[in-house]
Amino acid sequence: MVNFNPNKLQVKYLYSGDIDLLSRKYTLTHSDFTGELFLSIDKDYDYQKLKNSMYV
């Protein structure tokens, strides 16, 4: 197992305004090429990010 590198984590807040902690949804994806992690936080899952990261 590899150690976590916080420099390779990109966090994106997609919501505007206030949403309570229990309503937040977190979507974590990664790049096989760069090893970067992408965390999206919103009131719903980031389905667009999931759709774009899958091979169909």
N, C-alpha and C. Protein backbone atom coordinates (compact mmCIF):
# COMPACT_ATOMS: atom_id res chain seq x y z
N MET A 1 0.84 -1.18 0.00
CA MET A 1 0.00 0.00 0.00
C MET A 1 0.88 1.24 0.00
N VAL A 2 0.48 2.23 -0.78
CA VAL A 2 1.25 3.46 -0.92
C VAL A 2 0.75 4.49 0.08
N ASN A 3 1.66 5.33 0.57
CA ASN A 3 1.27 6.39 1.50
C ASN A 3 0.47 7.47 0.78
N PHE A 4 -0.46 8.06 1.51
CA PHE A 4 -1.29 9.15 0.98
C PHE A 4 -0.46 10.40 0.80
N ASN A 5 -0.57 11.02 -0.38
CA ASN A 5 0.13 12.27 -0.68
C ASN A 5 -0.92 13.37 -0.84
N PRO A 6 -1.07 14.27 0.16
CA PRO A 6 -2.10 15.31 0.07
C PRO A 6 -1.88 16.29 -1.08
N ASN A 7 -0.68 16.36 -1.62
CA ASN A 7 -0.43 17.25 -2.76
C ASN A 7 -1.09 16.75 -4.04
N LYS A 8 -1.50 15.49 -4.06
CA LYS A 8 -2.16 14.93 -5.24
C LYS A 8 -3.67 14.89 -5.10
N LEU A 9 -4.20 15.56 -4.08
CA LEU A 9 -5.65 15.60 -3.86
C LEU A 9 -6.20 16.96 -4.29
N GLN A 10 -7.20 16.93 -5.16
CA GLN A 10 -7.89 18.14 -5.58
C GLN A 10 -9.33 18.06 -5.08
N VAL A 11 -9.75 19.08 -4.33
CA VAL A 11 -11.09 19.11 -3.76
C VAL A 11 -11.89 20.19 -4.47
N LYS A 12 -13.11 19.83 -4.88
CA LYS A 12 -13.99 20.78 -5.57
C LYS A 12 -15.33 20.81 -4.86
N TYR A 13 -15.71 22.00 -4.38
CA TYR A 13 -17.04 22.21 -3.78
C TYR A 13 -17.98 22.65 -4.90
N LEU A 14 -18.96 21.82 -5.23
CA LEU A 14 -19.84 22.11 -6.36
C LEU A 14 -21.09 22.88 -5.97
N TYR A 15 -21.42 22.90 -4.71
CA TYR A 15 -22.66 23.54 -4.28
C TYR A 15 -22.44 25.01 -3.98
N SER A 16 -23.50 25.78 -4.12
CA SER A 16 -23.45 27.17 -3.70
C SER A 16 -24.43 27.33 -2.55
N GLY A 17 -24.05 28.06 -1.57
CA GLY A 17 -24.91 28.22 -0.40
C GLY A 17 -24.59 27.19 0.66
N ASP A 18 -25.47 27.10 1.60
CA ASP A 18 -25.26 26.21 2.74
C ASP A 18 -26.03 24.91 2.57
N ILE A 19 -25.36 23.81 2.81
CA ILE A 19 -26.04 22.53 2.96
C ILE A 19 -25.50 21.89 4.23
N ASP A 20 -26.36 21.22 4.96
CA ASP A 20 -25.90 20.67 6.23
C ASP A 20 -24.99 19.47 5.98
N LEU A 21 -24.22 19.13 6.98
CA LEU A 21 -23.22 18.07 6.85
C LEU A 21 -23.83 16.73 6.46
N LEU A 22 -25.01 16.43 6.97
CA LEU A 22 -25.62 15.13 6.69
C LEU A 22 -26.13 15.02 5.26
N SER A 23 -26.32 16.15 4.59
CA SER A 23 -26.83 16.13 3.21
C SER A 23 -25.72 16.10 2.17
N ARG A 24 -24.48 16.25 2.59
CA ARG A 24 -23.38 16.27 1.64
C ARG A 24 -23.14 14.88 1.04
N LYS A 25 -22.78 14.88 -0.23
CA LYS A 25 -22.39 13.66 -0.92
C LYS A 25 -20.95 13.85 -1.42
N TYR A 26 -20.16 12.83 -1.26
CA TYR A 26 -18.75 12.88 -1.64
C TYR A 26 -18.50 11.90 -2.78
N THR A 27 -17.85 12.38 -3.84
CA THR A 27 -17.47 11.54 -4.97
C THR A 27 -15.96 11.59 -5.09
N LEU A 28 -15.32 10.44 -4.95
CA LEU A 28 -13.86 10.36 -5.04
C LEU A 28 -13.49 9.54 -6.26
N THR A 29 -12.73 10.15 -7.17
CA THR A 29 -12.24 9.46 -8.36
C THR A 29 -10.72 9.64 -8.40
N HIS A 30 -10.08 8.89 -9.27
CA HIS A 30 -8.62 9.01 -9.38
C HIS A 30 -8.19 8.84 -10.83
N SER A 31 -6.97 9.26 -11.09
CA SER A 31 -6.36 9.10 -12.40
C SER A 31 -5.32 7.99 -12.33
N ASP A 32 -5.46 6.99 -13.19
CA ASP A 32 -4.46 5.93 -13.26
C ASP A 32 -3.14 6.44 -13.82
N PHE A 33 -3.18 7.50 -14.60
CA PHE A 33 -1.98 8.03 -15.25
C PHE A 33 -1.14 8.89 -14.31
N THR A 34 -1.78 9.77 -13.54
CA THR A 34 -1.04 10.71 -12.69
C THR A 34 -1.05 10.33 -11.22
N GLY A 35 -1.98 9.47 -10.82
CA GLY A 35 -2.11 9.11 -9.41
C GLY A 35 -2.85 10.16 -8.61
N GLU A 36 -3.38 11.18 -9.27
CA GLU A 36 -4.12 12.23 -8.57
C GLU A 36 -5.48 11.73 -8.12
N LEU A 37 -5.96 12.30 -7.01
CA LEU A 37 -7.29 12.02 -6.48
C LEU A 37 -8.14 13.26 -6.65
N PHE A 38 -9.41 13.06 -7.01
CA PHE A 38 -10.34 14.17 -7.21
C PHE A 38 -11.55 13.95 -6.32
N LEU A 39 -11.78 14.86 -5.40
CA LEU A 39 -12.90 14.77 -4.46
C LEU A 39 -13.89 15.88 -4.76
N SER A 40 -15.12 15.50 -5.09
CA SER A 40 -16.20 16.47 -5.32
C SER A 40 -17.17 16.40 -4.16
N ILE A 41 -17.58 17.57 -3.66
CA ILE A 41 -18.52 17.65 -2.55
C ILE A 41 -19.72 18.47 -3.01
N ASP A 42 -20.91 17.89 -2.87
CA ASP A 42 -22.12 18.55 -3.35
C ASP A 42 -23.32 17.98 -2.61
N LYS A 43 -24.50 18.46 -2.95
CA LYS A 43 -25.72 17.93 -2.35
C LYS A 43 -26.13 16.61 -2.98
N ASP A 44 -25.49 16.25 -4.12
CA ASP A 44 -25.72 14.98 -4.80
C ASP A 44 -24.38 14.48 -5.31
N TYR A 45 -24.31 13.21 -5.69
CA TYR A 45 -23.07 12.67 -6.23
C TYR A 45 -22.74 13.34 -7.56
N ASP A 46 -21.47 13.40 -7.89
CA ASP A 46 -21.01 14.01 -9.14
C ASP A 46 -21.06 12.96 -10.25
N TYR A 47 -22.28 12.71 -10.73
CA TYR A 47 -22.49 11.68 -11.75
C TYR A 47 -21.75 12.00 -13.04
N GLN A 48 -21.60 13.27 -13.37
CA GLN A 48 -20.88 13.66 -14.58
C GLN A 48 -19.42 13.23 -14.49
N LYS A 49 -18.83 13.41 -13.32
CA LYS A 49 -17.44 13.00 -13.12
C LYS A 49 -17.31 11.48 -13.22
N LEU A 50 -18.27 10.77 -12.65
CA LEU A 50 -18.25 9.31 -12.72
C LEU A 50 -18.43 8.83 -14.16
N LYS A 51 -19.34 9.46 -14.88
CA LYS A 51 -19.60 9.09 -16.27
C LYS A 51 -18.37 9.32 -17.14
N ASN A 52 -17.69 10.45 -16.92
CA ASN A 52 -16.52 10.79 -17.72
C ASN A 52 -15.31 9.93 -17.38
N SER A 53 -15.29 9.32 -16.21
CA SER A 53 -14.11 8.56 -15.80
C SER A 53 -14.23 7.07 -16.10
N MET A 54 -15.37 6.64 -16.64
CA MET A 54 -15.55 5.22 -16.93
C MET A 54 -15.36 4.95 -18.42
N TYR A 55 -14.81 3.80 -18.69
CA TYR A 55 -14.66 3.36 -20.08
C TYR A 55 -15.91 2.60 -20.48
N VAL A 56 -16.56 3.04 -21.53
CA VAL A 56 -17.80 2.40 -21.97
C VAL A 56 -17.55 1.63 -23.25
